[in-house]
Amino acid sequence: MLTVQQVAVEAGRAGVVTGELYELMVNKAASLGYEEYFMGTGDRKIRFTGHGLGLELDEFPFIAKGQTLVLQEGMALALEPKAIMPGKGVVGIENTFVVTDKGLKSLAHYPENIIVL
C-alpha cells in the first residue's frame, strides 16, 4: 500500500483529474496482485481511495471512480489505500497531503515503514 500511495503522491499534482488519480491507484494495486482485495472485497468494496479535508470528515475532492474535479494547488487531502483480506486482516496507510504543482507534499512527520502489531 506504500507503493500505491507513492504512485498517487508522484502523480497527484495541480491540474490532475481526481478520477484519473483513482485509476492510477487501482491499477497499481492490481499490478501488485491486490486487485481482489484492494479497498475491500465483493459488494463491500470502498469506492474511493482518498478524500479532501476541511470542515467535514470526508469532502471534496474525492479520489474516486468517475470523479472529474481537477486538483488545485493548496487543496488538502487524505490518501488511504488498503487491502482487506477476509479472515486475515487489513494492510493500509492513511496520510494527509497538500497539492502542489510538483506532486503531493506530505504533512506527516512519522516514518512510513511497516509496523506489525
PDB file of N, CA and C in Angstrom:
ATOM      1  N   MET A   1       0.815  -1.186   0.000  1.00  0.00           N
ATOM      2  CA  MET A   1       0.000   0.000   0.000  1.00  0.00           C
ATOM      3  C   MET A   1       0.866   1.259   0.000  1.00  0.00           C
ATOM      4  N   LEU A   2       2.072   1.132   0.542  1.00  0.00           N
ATOM      5  CA  LEU A   2       3.004   2.257   0.449  1.00  0.00           C
ATOM      6  C   LEU A   2       3.337   2.565  -1.004  1.00  0.00           C
ATOM      7  N   THR A   3       3.487   1.525  -1.815  1.00  0.00           N
ATOM      8  CA  THR A   3       3.784   1.705  -3.235  1.00  0.00           C
ATOM      9  C   THR A   3       2.596   2.331  -3.953  1.00  0.00           C
ATOM     10  N   VAL A   4       1.396   1.911  -3.627  1.00  0.00           N
ATOM     11  CA  VAL A   4       0.184   2.501  -4.217  1.00  0.00           C
ATOM     12  C   VAL A   4       0.099   3.974  -3.829  1.00  0.00           C
ATOM     13  N   GLN A   5       0.354   4.264  -2.572  1.00  0.00           N
ATOM     14  CA  GLN A   5       0.337   5.660  -2.127  1.00  0.00           C
ATOM     15  C   GLN A   5       1.384   6.472  -2.883  1.00  0.00           C
ATOM     16  N   GLN A   6       2.579   5.921  -3.076  1.00  0.00           N
ATOM     17  CA  GLN A   6       3.657   6.660  -3.734  1.00  0.00           C
ATOM     18  C   GLN A   6       3.301   7.026  -5.172  1.00  0.00           C
ATOM     19  N   VAL A   7       2.598   6.147  -5.871  1.00  0.00           N
ATOM     20  CA  VAL A   7       2.147   6.450  -7.238  1.00  0.00           C
ATOM     21  C   VAL A   7       1.264   7.692  -7.225  1.00  0.00           C
ATOM     22  N   ALA A   8       0.370   7.762  -6.253  1.00  0.00           N
ATOM     23  CA  ALA A   8      -0.528   8.918  -6.149  1.00  0.00           C
ATOM     24  C   ALA A   8       0.224  10.175  -5.743  1.00  0.00           C
ATOM     25  N   VAL A   9       1.189  10.038  -4.853  1.00  0.00           N
ATOM     26  CA  VAL A   9       1.982  11.188  -4.404  1.00  0.00           C
ATOM     27  C   VAL A   9       2.715  11.823  -5.582  1.00  0.00           C
ATOM     28  N   GLU A  10       3.284  10.989  -6.421  1.00  0.00           N
ATOM     29  CA  GLU A  10       4.059  11.495  -7.563  1.00  0.00           C
ATOM     30  C   GLU A  10       3.163  12.078  -8.655  1.00  0.00           C
ATOM     31  N   ALA A  11       1.992  11.484  -8.863  1.00  0.00           N
ATOM     32  CA  ALA A  11       1.107  11.918  -9.945  1.00  0.00           C
ATOM     33  C   ALA A  11       0.135  13.017  -9.513  1.00  0.00           C
ATOM     34  N   GLY A  12      -0.143  13.122  -8.219  1.00  0.00           N
ATOM     35  CA  GLY A  12      -1.195  13.997  -7.722  1.00  0.00           C
ATOM     36  C   GLY A  12      -0.821  15.458  -7.621  1.00  0.00           C
ATOM     37  N   ARG A  13      -0.590  16.070  -8.729  1.00  0.00           N
ATOM     38  CA  ARG A  13      -0.232  17.498  -8.733  1.00  0.00           C
ATOM     39  C   ARG A  13      -1.399  18.337  -9.227  1.00  0.00           C
ATOM     40  N   ALA A  14      -1.265  19.632  -9.058  1.00  0.00           N
ATOM     41  CA  ALA A  14      -2.280  20.559  -9.546  1.00  0.00           C
ATOM     42  C   ALA A  14      -2.528  20.299 -11.033  1.00  0.00           C
ATOM     43  N   GLY A  15      -3.807  20.239 -11.420  1.00  0.00           N
ATOM     44  CA  GLY A  15      -4.188  20.004 -12.809  1.00  0.00           C
ATOM     45  C   GLY A  15      -4.595  18.578 -13.108  1.00  0.00           C
ATOM     46  N   VAL A  16      -4.333  17.638 -12.197  1.00  0.00           N
ATOM     47  CA  VAL A  16      -4.697  16.238 -12.405  1.00  0.00           C
ATOM     48  C   VAL A  16      -6.165  16.030 -12.023  1.00  0.00           C
ATOM     49  N   VAL A  17      -6.860  15.255 -12.821  1.00  0.00           N
ATOM     50  CA  VAL A  17      -8.268  14.938 -12.561  1.00  0.00           C
ATOM     51  C   VAL A  17      -8.341  13.841 -11.497  1.00  0.00           C
ATOM     52  N   THR A  18      -9.201  14.043 -10.507  1.00  0.00           N
ATOM     53  CA  THR A  18      -9.275  13.120  -9.377  1.00  0.00           C
ATOM     54  C   THR A  18      -9.600  11.682  -9.785  1.00  0.00           C
ATOM     55  N   GLY A  19     -10.475  11.491 -10.744  1.00  0.00           N
ATOM     56  CA  GLY A  19     -10.801  10.145 -11.209  1.00  0.00           C
ATOM     57  C   GLY A  19      -9.612   9.443 -11.840  1.00  0.00           C
ATOM     58  N   GLU A  20      -8.738  10.197 -12.491  1.00  0.00           N
ATOM     59  CA  GLU A  20      -7.530   9.619 -13.084  1.00  0.00           C
ATOM     60  C   GLU A  20      -6.557   9.172 -11.993  1.00  0.00           C
ATOM     61  N   LEU A  21      -6.471   9.929 -10.919  1.00  0.00           N
ATOM     62  CA  LEU A  21      -5.617   9.549  -9.801  1.00  0.00           C
ATOM     63  C   LEU A  21      -6.129   8.258  -9.163  1.00  0.00           C
ATOM     64  N   TYR A  22      -7.448   8.146  -9.039  1.00  0.00           N
ATOM     65  CA  TYR A  22      -8.061   6.914  -8.527  1.00  0.00           C
ATOM     66  C   TYR A  22      -7.675   5.717  -9.394  1.00  0.00           C
ATOM     67  N   GLU A  23      -7.807   5.876 -10.707  1.00  0.00           N
ATOM     68  CA  GLU A  23      -7.482   4.778 -11.625  1.00  0.00           C
ATOM     69  C   GLU A  23      -6.015   4.374 -11.515  1.00  0.00           C
ATOM     70  N   LEU A  24      -5.119   5.335 -11.350  1.00  0.00           N
ATOM     71  CA  LEU A  24      -3.695   5.019 -11.159  1.00  0.00           C
ATOM     72  C   LEU A  24      -3.492   4.150  -9.922  1.00  0.00           C
ATOM     73  N   MET A  25      -4.176   4.490  -8.846  1.00  0.00           N
ATOM     74  CA  MET A  25      -4.036   3.729  -7.607  1.00  0.00           C
ATOM     75  C   MET A  25      -4.615   2.320  -7.745  1.00  0.00           C
ATOM     76  N   VAL A  26      -5.791   2.213  -8.342  1.00  0.00           N
ATOM     77  CA  VAL A  26      -6.421   0.904  -8.545  1.00  0.00           C
ATOM     78  C   VAL A  26      -5.542   0.032  -9.445  1.00  0.00           C
ATOM     79  N   ASN A  27      -5.045   0.606 -10.533  1.00  0.00           N
ATOM     80  CA  ASN A  27      -4.198  -0.160 -11.461  1.00  0.00           C
ATOM     81  C   ASN A  27      -2.890  -0.588 -10.812  1.00  0.00           C
ATOM     82  N   LYS A  28      -2.308   0.264  -9.969  1.00  0.00           N
ATOM     83  CA  LYS A  28      -1.073  -0.109  -9.290  1.00  0.00           C
ATOM     84  C   LYS A  28      -1.324  -1.247  -8.318  1.00  0.00           C
ATOM     85  N   ALA A  29      -2.418  -1.174  -7.563  1.00  0.00           N
ATOM     86  CA  ALA A  29      -2.762  -2.260  -6.642  1.00  0.00           C
ATOM     87  C   ALA A  29      -2.948  -3.568  -7.405  1.00  0.00           C
ATOM     88  N   ALA A  30      -3.614  -3.505  -8.550  1.00  0.00           N
ATOM     89  CA  ALA A  30      -3.827  -4.706  -9.369  1.00  0.00           C
ATOM     90  C   ALA A  30      -2.501  -5.257  -9.865  1.00  0.00           C
ATOM     91  N   SER A  31      -1.602  -4.385 -10.305  1.00  0.00           N
ATOM     92  CA  SER A  31      -0.303  -4.850 -10.822  1.00  0.00           C
ATOM     93  C   SER A  31       0.540  -5.504  -9.729  1.00  0.00           C
ATOM     94  N   LEU A  32       0.256  -5.169  -8.482  1.00  0.00           N
ATOM     95  CA  LEU A  32       0.969  -5.765  -7.348  1.00  0.00           C
ATOM     96  C   LEU A  32       0.288  -7.036  -6.838  1.00  0.00           C
ATOM     97  N   GLY A  33      -0.827  -7.412  -7.468  1.00  0.00           N
ATOM     98  CA  GLY A  33      -1.526  -8.636  -7.091  1.00  0.00           C
ATOM     99  C   GLY A  33      -2.630  -8.464  -6.057  1.00  0.00           C
ATOM    100  N   TYR A  34      -3.073  -7.236  -5.812  1.00  0.00           N
ATOM    101  CA  TYR A  34      -4.083  -6.977  -4.785  1.00  0.00           C
ATOM    102  C   TYR A  34      -5.444  -6.583  -5.343  1.00  0.00           C
ATOM    103  N   GLU A  35      -5.676  -6.807  -6.610  1.00  0.00           N
ATOM    104  CA  GLU A  35      -6.930  -6.376  -7.232  1.00  0.00           C
ATOM    105  C   GLU A  35      -8.158  -6.872  -6.473  1.00  0.00           C
ATOM    106  N   GLU A  36      -8.151  -8.140  -6.095  1.00  0.00           N
ATOM    107  CA  GLU A  36      -9.313  -8.729  -5.415  1.00  0.00           C
ATOM    108  C   GLU A  36      -9.572  -8.096  -4.048  1.00  0.00           C
ATOM    109  N   TYR A  37      -8.516  -7.643  -3.378  1.00  0.00           N
ATOM    110  CA  TYR A  37      -8.627  -7.162  -2.002  1.00  0.00           C
ATOM    111  C   TYR A  37      -8.496  -5.656  -1.844  1.00  0.00           C
ATOM    112  N   PHE A  38      -8.153  -4.945  -2.921  1.00  0.00           N
ATOM    113  CA  PHE A  38      -7.912  -3.521  -2.792  1.00  0.00           C
ATOM    114  C   PHE A  38      -9.195  -2.797  -2.433  1.00  0.00           C
ATOM    115  N   MET A  39      -9.182  -2.113  -1.323  1.00  0.00           N
ATOM    116  CA  MET A  39     -10.312  -1.333  -0.800  1.00  0.00           C
ATOM    117  C   MET A  39     -11.520  -2.204  -0.453  1.00  0.00           C
ATOM    118  N   GLY A  40     -11.279  -3.485  -0.165  1.00  0.00           N
ATOM    119  CA  GLY A  40     -12.350  -4.389   0.249  1.00  0.00           C
ATOM    120  C   GLY A  40     -12.590  -5.486  -0.767  1.00  0.00           C
ATOM    121  N   THR A  41     -13.622  -6.286  -0.519  1.00  0.00           N
ATOM    122  CA  THR A  41     -13.944  -7.383  -1.426  1.00  0.00           C
ATOM    123  C   THR A  41     -15.430  -7.361  -1.777  1.00  0.00           C
ATOM    124  N   GLY A  42     -15.731  -7.923  -2.942  1.00  0.00           N
ATOM    125  CA  GLY A  42     -17.126  -8.063  -3.377  1.00  0.00           C
ATOM    126  C   GLY A  42     -17.899  -6.766  -3.343  1.00  0.00           C
ATOM    127  N   ASP A  43     -19.148  -6.851  -2.876  1.00  0.00           N
ATOM    128  CA  ASP A  43     -20.007  -5.664  -2.843  1.00  0.00           C
ATOM    129  C   ASP A  43     -19.690  -4.743  -1.660  1.00  0.00           C
ATOM    130  N   ARG A  44     -18.693  -5.106  -0.869  1.00  0.00           N
ATOM    131  CA  ARG A  44     -18.288  -4.274   0.274  1.00  0.00           C
ATOM    132  C   ARG A  44     -17.054  -3.428  -0.028  1.00  0.00           C
ATOM    133  N   LYS A  45     -16.676  -3.366  -1.306  1.00  0.00           N
ATOM    134  CA  LYS A  45     -15.536  -2.540  -1.689  1.00  0.00           C
ATOM    135  C   LYS A  45     -15.826  -1.070  -1.446  1.00  0.00           C
ATOM    136  N   ILE A  46     -14.845  -0.374  -0.905  1.00  0.00           N
ATOM    137  CA  ILE A  46     -14.938   1.072  -0.739  1.00  0.00           C
ATOM    138  C   ILE A  46     -14.647   1.674  -2.105  1.00  0.00           C
ATOM    139  N   ARG A  47     -15.417   2.627  -2.544  1.00  0.00           N
ATOM    140  CA  ARG A  47     -15.326   3.152  -3.906  1.00  0.00           C
ATOM    141  C   ARG A  47     -14.509   4.430  -4.027  1.00  0.00           C
ATOM    142  N   PHE A  48     -13.654   4.693  -3.046  1.00  0.00           N
ATOM    143  CA  PHE A  48     -12.745   5.830  -3.164  1.00  0.00           C
ATOM    144  C   PHE A  48     -11.435   5.496  -2.466  1.00  0.00           C
ATOM    145  N   THR A  49     -10.357   6.137  -2.870  1.00  0.00           N
ATOM    146  CA  THR A  49      -9.038   5.879  -2.288  1.00  0.00           C
ATOM    147  C   THR A  49      -8.494   7.094  -1.550  1.00  0.00           C
ATOM    148  N   GLY A  50      -9.279   8.150  -1.496  1.00  0.00           N
ATOM    149  CA  GLY A  50      -8.869   9.356  -0.791  1.00  0.00           C
ATOM    150  C   GLY A  50      -9.972  10.390  -0.833  1.00  0.00           C
ATOM    151  N   HIS A  51      -9.785  11.438  -0.047  1.00  0.00           N
ATOM    152  CA  HIS A  51     -10.805  12.479   0.050  1.00  0.00           C
ATOM    153  C   HIS A  51     -10.181  13.768   0.556  1.00  0.00           C
ATOM    154  N   GLY A  52     -10.900  14.844   0.336  1.00  0.00           N
ATOM    155  CA  GLY A  52     -10.453  16.139   0.815  1.00  0.00           C
ATOM    156  C   GLY A  52     -10.617  16.268   2.316  1.00  0.00           C
ATOM    157  N   LEU A  53      -9.946  17.264   2.856  1.00  0.00           N
ATOM    158  CA  LEU A  53     -10.027  17.555   4.286  1.00  0.00           C
ATOM    159  C   LEU A  53     -10.446  19.000   4.472  1.00  0.00           C
ATOM    160  N   GLY A  54     -11.228  19.236   5.494  1.00  0.00           N
ATOM    161  CA  GLY A  54     -11.693  20.592   5.765  1.00  0.00           C
ATOM    162  C   GLY A  54     -12.611  20.580   6.951  1.00  0.00           C
ATOM    163  N   LEU A  55     -13.850  20.966   6.739  1.00  0.00           N
ATOM    164  CA  LEU A  55     -14.811  21.043   7.829  1.00  0.00           C
ATOM    165  C   LEU A  55     -15.545  19.732   8.079  1.00  0.00           C
ATOM    166  N   GLU A  56     -15.664  18.900   7.058  1.00  0.00           N
ATOM    167  CA  GLU A  56     -16.369  17.624   7.168  1.00  0.00           C
ATOM    168  C   GLU A  56     -15.360  16.484   7.234  1.00  0.00           C
ATOM    169  N   LEU A  57     -15.821  15.305   7.662  1.00  0.00           N
ATOM    170  CA  LEU A  57     -14.947  14.140   7.751  1.00  0.00           C
ATOM    171  C   LEU A  57     -14.412  13.758   6.371  1.00  0.00           C
ATOM    172  N   ASP A  58     -15.291  13.573   5.419  1.00  0.00           N
ATOM    173  CA  ASP A  58     -14.926  13.269   4.030  1.00  0.00           C
ATOM    174  C   ASP A  58     -15.580  14.320   3.150  1.00  0.00           C
ATOM    175  N   GLU A  59     -14.790  15.043   2.365  1.00  0.00           N
ATOM    176  CA  GLU A  59     -15.347  16.070   1.493  1.00  0.00           C
ATOM    177  C   GLU A  59     -14.519  16.147   0.215  1.00  0.00           C
ATOM    178  N   PHE A  60     -14.990  16.966  -0.719  1.00  0.00           N
ATOM    179  CA  PHE A  60     -14.279  17.139  -1.985  1.00  0.00           C
ATOM    180  C   PHE A  60     -12.880  17.666  -1.735  1.00  0.00           C
ATOM    181  N   PRO A  61     -11.921  17.262  -2.539  1.00  0.00           N
ATOM    182  CA  PRO A  61     -12.073  16.390  -3.708  1.00  0.00           C
ATOM    183  C   PRO A  61     -12.083  14.917  -3.299  1.00  0.00           C
ATOM    184  N   PHE A  62     -12.945  14.130  -3.919  1.00  0.00           N
ATOM    185  CA  PHE A  62     -12.949  12.683  -3.707  1.00  0.00           C
ATOM    186  C   PHE A  62     -12.064  12.041  -4.759  1.00  0.00           C
ATOM    187  N   ILE A  63     -11.182  11.167  -4.324  1.00  0.00           N
ATOM    188  CA  ILE A  63     -10.346  10.396  -5.243  1.00  0.00           C
ATOM    189  C   ILE A  63     -11.136   9.118  -5.490  1.00  0.00           C
ATOM    190  N   ALA A  64     -11.982   9.160  -6.518  1.00  0.00           N
ATOM    191  CA  ALA A  64     -12.937   8.088  -6.754  1.00  0.00           C
ATOM    192  C   ALA A  64     -13.208   7.922  -8.245  1.00  0.00           C
ATOM    193  N   LYS A  65     -13.696   6.744  -8.590  1.00  0.00           N
ATOM    194  CA  LYS A  65     -14.010   6.423  -9.983  1.00  0.00           C
ATOM    195  C   LYS A  65     -15.004   7.427 -10.550  1.00  0.00           C
ATOM    196  N   GLY A  66     -14.682   7.940 -11.725  1.00  0.00           N
ATOM    197  CA  GLY A  66     -15.585   8.825 -12.436  1.00  0.00           C
ATOM    198  C   GLY A  66     -15.566  10.276 -11.993  1.00  0.00           C
ATOM    199  N   GLN A  67     -14.845  10.596 -10.951  1.00  0.00           N
ATOM    200  CA  GLN A  67     -14.795  11.991 -10.489  1.00  0.00           C
ATOM    201  C   GLN A  67     -14.028  12.842 -11.502  1.00  0.00           C
ATOM    202  N   THR A  68     -14.499  14.047 -11.728  1.00  0.00           N
ATOM    203  CA  THR A  68     -13.893  14.906 -12.747  1.00  0.00           C
ATOM    204  C   THR A  68     -13.317  16.203 -12.175  1.00  0.00           C
ATOM    205  N   LEU A  69     -13.333  16.328 -10.866  1.00  0.00           N
ATOM    206  CA  LEU A  69     -12.778  17.523 -10.239  1.00  0.00           C
ATOM    207  C   LEU A  69     -11.262  17.567 -10.475  1.00  0.00           C
ATOM    208  N   VAL A  70     -10.764  18.721 -10.812  1.00  0.00           N
ATOM    209  CA  VAL A  70      -9.334  18.896 -11.072  1.00  0.00           C
ATOM    210  C   VAL A  70      -8.664  19.362  -9.783  1.00  0.00           C
ATOM    211  N   LEU A  71      -7.560  18.702  -9.412  1.00  0.00           N
ATOM    212  CA  LEU A  71      -6.815  19.116  -8.227  1.00  0.00           C
ATOM    213  C   LEU A  71      -6.236  20.512  -8.434  1.00  0.00           C
ATOM    214  N   GLN A  72      -6.303  21.313  -7.376  1.00  0.00           N
ATOM    215  CA  GLN A  72      -5.762  22.664  -7.421  1.00  0.00           C
ATOM    216  C   GLN A  72      -4.721  22.816  -6.316  1.00  0.00           C
ATOM    217  N   GLU A  73      -3.720  23.629  -6.601  1.00  0.00           N
ATOM    218  CA  GLU A  73      -2.665  23.856  -5.628  1.00  0.00           C
ATOM    219  C   GLU A  73      -3.272  24.357  -4.317  1.00  0.00           C
ATOM    220  N   GLY A  74      -2.786  23.779  -3.213  1.00  0.00           N
ATOM    221  CA  GLY A  74      -3.246  24.166  -1.892  1.00  0.00           C
ATOM    222  C   GLY A  74      -4.347  23.296  -1.318  1.00  0.00           C
ATOM    223  N   MET A  75      -4.992  22.452  -2.139  1.00  0.00           N
ATOM    224  CA  MET A  75      -6.013  21.546  -1.606  1.00  0.00           C
ATOM    225  C   MET A  75      -5.348  20.579  -0.623  1.00  0.00           C
ATOM    226  N   ALA A  76      -6.074  20.226   0.431  1.00  0.00           N
ATOM    227  CA  ALA A  76      -5.599  19.226   1.388  1.00  0.00           C
ATOM    228  C   ALA A  76      -6.417  17.960   1.193  1.00  0.00           C
ATOM    229  N   LEU A  77      -5.730  16.822   1.178  1.00  0.00           N
ATOM    230  CA  LEU A  77      -6.452  15.568   1.031  1.00  0.00           C
ATOM    231  C   LEU A  77      -5.754  14.443   1.763  1.00  0.00           C
ATOM    232  N   ALA A  78      -6.523  13.411   2.040  1.00  0.00           N
ATOM    233  CA  ALA A  78      -6.011  12.201   2.673  1.00  0.00           C
ATOM    234  C   ALA A  78      -6.058  11.082   1.650  1.00  0.00           C
ATOM    235  N   LEU A  79      -4.970  10.344   1.532  1.00  0.00           N
ATOM    236  CA  LEU A  79      -4.947   9.128   0.730  1.00  0.00           C
ATOM    237  C   LEU A  79      -5.022   7.960   1.701  1.00  0.00           C
ATOM    238  N   GLU A  80      -5.810   6.943   1.359  1.00  0.00           N
ATOM    239  CA  GLU A  80      -5.974   5.824   2.282  1.00  0.00           C
ATOM    240  C   GLU A  80      -6.056   4.472   1.578  1.00  0.00           C
ATOM    241  N   PRO A  81      -5.033   4.105   0.815  1.00  0.00           N
ATOM    242  CA  PRO A  81      -5.062   2.796   0.169  1.00  0.00           C
ATOM    243  C   PRO A  81      -4.974   1.672   1.204  1.00  0.00           C
ATOM    244  N   LYS A  82      -5.777   0.634   0.976  1.00  0.00           N
ATOM    245  CA  LYS A  82      -5.737  -0.509   1.885  1.00  0.00           C
ATOM    246  C   LYS A  82      -6.152  -1.777   1.157  1.00  0.00           C
ATOM    247  N   ALA A  83      -5.638  -2.897   1.646  1.00  0.00           N
ATOM    248  CA  ALA A  83      -6.045  -4.216   1.177  1.00  0.00           C
ATOM    249  C   ALA A  83      -6.739  -4.903   2.345  1.00  0.00           C
ATOM    250  N   ILE A  84      -7.954  -5.374   2.092  1.00  0.00           N
ATOM    251  CA  ILE A  84      -8.757  -6.014   3.126  1.00  0.00           C
ATOM    252  C   ILE A  84      -8.928  -7.479   2.741  1.00  0.00           C
ATOM    253  N   MET A  85      -8.302  -8.362   3.519  1.00  0.00           N
ATOM    254  CA  MET A  85      -8.312  -9.792   3.220  1.00  0.00           C
ATOM    255  C   MET A  85      -9.142 -10.517   4.269  1.00  0.00           C
ATOM    256  N   PRO A  86     -10.352 -10.954   3.894  1.00  0.00           N
ATOM    257  CA  PRO A  86     -11.242 -11.610   4.857  1.00  0.00           C
ATOM    258  C   PRO A  86     -10.550 -12.770   5.574  1.00  0.00           C
ATOM    259  N   GLY A  87     -10.728 -12.800   6.877  1.00  0.00           N
ATOM    260  CA  GLY A  87     -10.158 -13.869   7.683  1.00  0.00           C
ATOM    261  C   GLY A  87      -8.681 -13.695   7.998  1.00  0.00           C
ATOM    262  N   LYS A  88      -8.047 -12.686   7.405  1.00  0.00           N
ATOM    263  CA  LYS A  88      -6.621 -12.470   7.642  1.00  0.00           C
ATOM    264  C   LYS A  88      -6.333 -11.113   8.246  1.00  0.00           C
ATOM    265  N   GLY A  89      -6.971 -10.073   7.726  1.00  0.00           N
ATOM    266  CA  GLY A  89      -6.743  -8.750   8.265  1.00  0.00           C
ATOM    267  C   GLY A  89      -6.684  -7.672   7.205  1.00  0.00           C
ATOM    268  N   VAL A  90      -6.196  -6.504   7.623  1.00  0.00           N
ATOM    269  CA  VAL A  90      -6.138  -5.323   6.773  1.00  0.00           C
ATOM    270  C   VAL A  90      -4.725  -4.784   6.783  1.00  0.00           C
ATOM    271  N   VAL A  91      -4.262  -4.375   5.608  1.00  0.00           N
ATOM    272  CA  VAL A  91      -2.979  -3.687   5.480  1.00  0.00           C
ATOM    273  C   VAL A  91      -3.287  -2.374   4.795  1.00  0.00           C
ATOM    274  N   GLY A  92      -2.923  -1.277   5.431  1.00  0.00           N
ATOM    275  CA  GLY A  92      -3.226   0.001   4.821  1.00  0.00           C
ATOM    276  C   GLY A  92      -2.439   1.137   5.435  1.00  0.00           C
ATOM    277  N   ILE A  93      -2.640   2.287   4.842  1.00  0.00           N
ATOM    278  CA  ILE A  93      -1.995   3.506   5.308  1.00  0.00           C
ATOM    279  C   ILE A  93      -2.942   4.658   5.015  1.00  0.00           C
ATOM    280  N   GLU A  94      -2.892   5.677   5.835  1.00  0.00           N
ATOM    281  CA  GLU A  94      -3.639   6.903   5.543  1.00  0.00           C
ATOM    282  C   GLU A  94      -2.772   8.082   5.962  1.00  0.00           C
ATOM    283  N   ASN A  95      -2.524   8.957   5.021  1.00  0.00           N
ATOM    284  CA  ASN A  95      -1.721  10.143   5.276  1.00  0.00           C
ATOM    285  C   ASN A  95      -2.369  11.366   4.656  1.00  0.00           C
ATOM    286  N   THR A  96      -2.002  12.520   5.169  1.00  0.00           N
ATOM    287  CA  THR A  96      -2.535  13.794   4.714  1.00  0.00           C
ATOM    288  C   THR A  96      -1.499  14.527   3.877  1.00  0.00           C
ATOM    289  N   PHE A  97      -1.966  15.116   2.781  1.00  0.00           N
ATOM    290  CA  PHE A  97      -1.091  15.785   1.827  1.00  0.00           C
ATOM    291  C   PHE A  97      -1.679  17.122   1.404  1.00  0.00           C
ATOM    292  N   VAL A  98      -0.819  17.971   0.889  1.00  0.00           N
ATOM    293  CA  VAL A  98      -1.228  19.215   0.256  1.00  0.00           C
ATOM    294  C   VAL A  98      -0.835  19.120  -1.214  1.00  0.00           C
ATOM    295  N   VAL A  99      -1.736  19.529  -2.098  1.00  0.00           N
ATOM    296  CA  VAL A  99      -1.475  19.504  -3.537  1.00  0.00           C
ATOM    297  C   VAL A  99      -0.533  20.658  -3.895  1.00  0.00           C
ATOM    298  N   THR A 100       0.530  20.324  -4.643  1.00  0.00           N
ATOM    299  CA  THR A 100       1.446  21.333  -5.178  1.00  0.00           C
ATOM    300  C   THR A 100       1.547  21.122  -6.677  1.00  0.00           C
ATOM    301  N   ASP A 101       2.275  21.970  -7.353  1.00  0.00           N
ATOM    302  CA  ASP A 101       2.458  21.783  -8.796  1.00  0.00           C
ATOM    303  C   ASP A 101       3.513  20.724  -9.101  1.00  0.00           C
ATOM    304  N   LYS A 102       4.182  20.197  -8.081  1.00  0.00           N
ATOM    305  CA  LYS A 102       5.209  19.169  -8.265  1.00  0.00           C
ATOM    306  C   LYS A 102       4.773  17.794  -7.763  1.00  0.00           C
ATOM    307  N   GLY A 103       3.629  17.706  -7.139  1.00  0.00           N
ATOM    308  CA  GLY A 103       3.149  16.459  -6.564  1.00  0.00           C
ATOM    309  C   GLY A 103       2.494  16.742  -5.230  1.00  0.00           C
ATOM    310  N   LEU A 104       2.235  15.688  -4.480  1.00  0.00           N
ATOM    311  CA  LEU A 104       1.611  15.849  -3.168  1.00  0.00           C
ATOM    312  C   LEU A 104       2.696  15.974  -2.104  1.00  0.00           C
ATOM    313  N   LYS A 105       2.549  16.958  -1.241  1.00  0.00           N
ATOM    314  CA  LYS A 105       3.503  17.182  -0.155  1.00  0.00           C
ATOM    315  C   LYS A 105       2.896  16.628   1.127  1.00  0.00           C
ATOM    316  N   SER A 106       3.601  15.699   1.755  1.00  0.00           N
ATOM    317  CA  SER A 106       3.106  15.070   2.973  1.00  0.00           C
ATOM    318  C   SER A 106       3.133  16.038   4.147  1.00  0.00           C
ATOM    319  N   LEU A 107       2.101  15.969   4.956  1.00  0.00           N
ATOM    320  CA  LEU A 107       2.055  16.727   6.198  1.00  0.00           C
ATOM    321  C   LEU A 107       2.441  15.851   7.387  1.00  0.00           C
ATOM    322  N   ALA A 108       2.696  14.564   7.138  1.00  0.00           N
ATOM    323  CA  ALA A 108       3.061  13.617   8.197  1.00  0.00           C
ATOM    324  C   ALA A 108       4.548  13.741   8.538  1.00  0.00           C
ATOM    325  N   HIS A 109       4.852  13.490   9.788  1.00  0.00           N
ATOM    326  CA  HIS A 109       6.236  13.527  10.244  1.00  0.00           C
ATOM    327  C   HIS A 109       6.688  12.179  10.789  1.00  0.00           C
ATOM    328  N   TYR A 110       5.846  11.175  10.648  1.00  0.00           N
ATOM    329  CA  TYR A 110       6.138   9.844  11.175  1.00  0.00           C
ATOM    330  C   TYR A 110       6.696   8.966  10.054  1.00  0.00           C
ATOM    331  N   PRO A 111       7.710   8.154  10.325  1.00  0.00           N
ATOM    332  CA  PRO A 111       8.270   7.281   9.280  1.00  0.00           C
ATOM    333  C   PRO A 111       7.206   6.337   8.709  1.00  0.00           C
ATOM    334  N   GLU A 112       7.302   6.052   7.424  1.00  0.00           N
ATOM    335  CA  GLU A 112       6.300   5.210   6.755  1.00  0.00           C
ATOM    336  C   GLU A 112       6.793   3.776   6.562  1.00  0.00           C
ATOM    337  N   ASN A 113       7.476   3.239   7.541  1.00  0.00           N
ATOM    338  CA  ASN A 113       7.889   1.851   7.437  1.00  0.00           C
ATOM    339  C   ASN A 113       6.765   0.945   7.931  1.00  0.00           C
ATOM    340  N   ILE A 114       6.887  -0.329   7.652  1.00  0.00           N
ATOM    341  CA  ILE A 114       5.850  -1.299   8.005  1.00  0.00           C
ATOM    342  C   ILE A 114       5.916  -1.590   9.504  1.00  0.00           C
ATOM    343  N   ILE A 115       4.753  -1.528  10.151  1.00  0.00           N
ATOM    344  CA  ILE A 115       4.652  -1.823  11.577  1.00  0.00           C
ATOM    345  C   ILE A 115       3.726  -3.024  11.719  1.00  0.00           C
ATOM    346  N   VAL A 116       4.194  -4.066  12.355  1.00  0.00           N
ATOM    347  CA  VAL A 116       3.394  -5.268  12.579  1.00  0.00           C
ATOM    348  C   VAL A 116       2.899  -5.254  14.015  1.00  0.00           C
ATOM    349  N   LEU A 117       1.595  -5.348  14.170  1.00  0.00           N
ATOM    350  CA  LEU A 117       1.010  -5.360  15.520  1.00  0.00           C
ATOM    351  C   LEU A 117       0.608  -6.762  15.916  1.00  0.00           C
TER     352      LEU A 117
END
